[in-house]
């Protein structure tokens, strides 16, 4: 879907689960594990992205986890597509 707008190129990060899994990662007993999962692939790949790269994730908990783990904001794919089509 995100490759539909002109001049958009999509690169999927093959990370599987971000580690948050709903509220799992916010629970005290799972917090450390959740962050370790994020640090396996997802967080390092996002940190390598340029400032111009749009980070997209469909899950609310995934977007929160990305923000908490990397400081970067991830947007829902529908919002990214909407903004691209408005241009």
Foldseek 3Di string as FASTA:
>chain_A
DQVPFPPGDDDDFPLPDLQCPDPQCVDPVRVVVSLVSNVPTPQVVVLPDDPPDAAADQDPRSQVSNCVNHVDGHYHPVVSVVVRVVD
